[in-house]
Amino acid sequence: MNRDTPAGSVAEKESTMKYVLALVALLAIAIGVGGILYGEADDSPGLQLLGGALVVGAFAFGVRIARRDR
């Protein structure tokens, strides 16, 4: 630990980063769902596949973030 920083600052940064990463995962899920819906309206199976892969990947990333502290 660095002597210049207060003792609680590292924990606060990790906690803030955890919330930022969770927000990014939720945003990726929203974009993926939008891609699925737009791909269905445009009859584009490739866009639906990419949207589904984005949703599954973001969900797995979110679960990994949530389980990291345990």
C-alpha atoms as a PDB file:
ATOM      1  CA  MET A   1       0.000   0.000   0.000  1.00  0.00           C
ATOM      2  CA  ASN A   2       1.266   3.443  -0.833  1.00  0.00           C
ATOM      3  CA  ARG A   3       1.864   5.810   2.085  1.00  0.00           C
ATOM      4  CA  ASP A   4       0.431   8.804   0.184  1.00  0.00           C
ATOM      5  CA  THR A   5      -3.089   7.363  -0.121  1.00  0.00           C
ATOM      6  CA  PRO A   6      -5.579   6.918   2.692  1.00  0.00           C
ATOM      7  CA  ALA A   7      -6.343   3.359   3.762  1.00  0.00           C
ATOM      8  CA  GLY A   8      -9.941   3.327   2.488  1.00  0.00           C
ATOM      9  CA  SER A   9      -9.311   4.784  -0.961  1.00  0.00           C
ATOM     10  CA  VAL A  10      -8.340   1.490  -2.624  1.00  0.00           C
ATOM     11  CA  ALA A  11     -11.505  -0.219  -1.398  1.00  0.00           C
ATOM     12  CA  GLU A  12     -13.606   2.746  -2.511  1.00  0.00           C
ATOM     13  CA  LYS A  13     -12.064   2.679  -5.998  1.00  0.00           C
ATOM     14  CA  GLU A  14     -12.698  -1.060  -6.326  1.00  0.00           C
ATOM     15  CA  SER A  15     -16.298  -0.622  -5.208  1.00  0.00           C
ATOM     16  CA  THR A  16     -16.858   2.243  -7.655  1.00  0.00           C
ATOM     17  CA  MET A  17     -15.251   0.255 -10.479  1.00  0.00           C
ATOM     18  CA  LYS A  18     -17.519  -2.694  -9.713  1.00  0.00           C
ATOM     19  CA  TYR A  19     -20.595  -0.491 -10.188  1.00  0.00           C
ATOM     20  CA  VAL A  20     -19.207   1.005 -13.390  1.00  0.00           C
ATOM     21  CA  LEU A  21     -18.549  -2.459 -14.841  1.00  0.00           C
ATOM     22  CA  ALA A  22     -22.055  -3.582 -13.867  1.00  0.00           C
ATOM     23  CA  LEU A  23     -23.484  -0.520 -15.610  1.00  0.00           C
ATOM     24  CA  VAL A  24     -21.456  -1.327 -18.734  1.00  0.00           C
ATOM     25  CA  ALA A  25     -22.769  -4.908 -18.665  1.00  0.00           C
ATOM     26  CA  LEU A  26     -26.367  -3.637 -18.414  1.00  0.00           C
ATOM     27  CA  LEU A  27     -25.762  -1.256 -21.301  1.00  0.00           C
ATOM     28  CA  ALA A  28     -24.364  -4.097 -23.411  1.00  0.00           C
ATOM     29  CA  ILE A  29     -27.426  -6.203 -22.623  1.00  0.00           C
ATOM     30  CA  ALA A  30     -29.696  -3.339 -23.695  1.00  0.00           C
ATOM     31  CA  ILE A  31     -27.774  -2.892 -26.961  1.00  0.00           C
ATOM     32  CA  GLY A  32     -27.899  -6.656 -27.573  1.00  0.00           C
ATOM     33  CA  VAL A  33     -31.664  -6.767 -27.050  1.00  0.00           C
ATOM     34  CA  GLY A  34     -32.018  -3.818 -29.416  1.00  0.00           C
ATOM     35  CA  GLY A  35     -29.950  -5.695 -31.997  1.00  0.00           C
ATOM     36  CA  ILE A  36     -32.154  -8.763 -31.632  1.00  0.00           C
ATOM     37  CA  LEU A  37     -35.319  -6.714 -32.065  1.00  0.00           C
ATOM     38  CA  TYR A  38     -33.960  -4.722 -35.005  1.00  0.00           C
ATOM     39  CA  GLY A  39     -32.655  -7.911 -36.644  1.00  0.00           C
ATOM     40  CA  GLU A  40     -36.074  -9.508 -36.296  1.00  0.00           C
ATOM     41  CA  ALA A  41     -37.813  -6.506 -37.877  1.00  0.00           C
ATOM     42  CA  ASP A  42     -35.258  -6.404 -40.714  1.00  0.00           C
ATOM     43  CA  ASP A  43     -35.283 -10.226 -41.096  1.00  0.00           C
ATOM     44  CA  SER A  44     -31.546 -10.411 -40.481  1.00  0.00           C
ATOM     45  CA  PRO A  45     -30.461 -13.640 -38.744  1.00  0.00           C
ATOM     46  CA  GLY A  46     -26.855 -12.452 -38.456  1.00  0.00           C
ATOM     47  CA  LEU A  47     -27.810  -9.363 -36.455  1.00  0.00           C
ATOM     48  CA  GLN A  48     -30.013 -11.487 -34.228  1.00  0.00           C
ATOM     49  CA  LEU A  49     -27.113 -13.870 -33.617  1.00  0.00           C
ATOM     50  CA  LEU A  50     -24.721 -11.033 -32.789  1.00  0.00           C
ATOM     51  CA  GLY A  51     -27.283  -9.447 -30.470  1.00  0.00           C
ATOM     52  CA  GLY A  52     -27.862 -12.772 -28.725  1.00  0.00           C
ATOM     53  CA  ALA A  53     -24.129 -13.363 -28.344  1.00  0.00           C
ATOM     54  CA  LEU A  54     -23.736  -9.871 -26.884  1.00  0.00           C
ATOM     55  CA  VAL A  55     -26.528 -10.491 -24.373  1.00  0.00           C
ATOM     56  CA  VAL A  56     -25.112 -13.870 -23.298  1.00  0.00           C
ATOM     57  CA  GLY A  57     -21.574 -12.503 -23.028  1.00  0.00           C
ATOM     58  CA  ALA A  58     -22.641  -9.442 -21.046  1.00  0.00           C
ATOM     59  CA  PHE A  59     -24.736 -11.603 -18.720  1.00  0.00           C
ATOM     60  CA  ALA A  60     -21.789 -13.929 -18.097  1.00  0.00           C
ATOM     61  CA  PHE A  61     -19.545 -10.909 -17.477  1.00  0.00           C
ATOM     62  CA  GLY A  62     -22.080  -9.504 -14.994  1.00  0.00           C
ATOM     63  CA  VAL A  63     -22.254 -12.814 -13.131  1.00  0.00           C
ATOM     64  CA  ARG A  64     -18.457 -12.905 -12.984  1.00  0.00           C
ATOM     65  CA  ILE A  65     -18.385  -9.397 -11.504  1.00  0.00           C
ATOM     66  CA  ALA A  66     -21.006 -10.304  -8.914  1.00  0.00           C
ATOM     67  CA  ARG A  67     -19.232 -13.511  -7.873  1.00  0.00           C
ATOM     68  CA  ARG A  68     -15.737 -11.960  -7.711  1.00  0.00           C
ATOM     69  CA  ASP A  69     -16.124 -10.793  -4.091  1.00  0.00           C
ATOM     70  CA  ARG A  70     -17.225 -14.169  -2.769  1.00  0.00           C
END
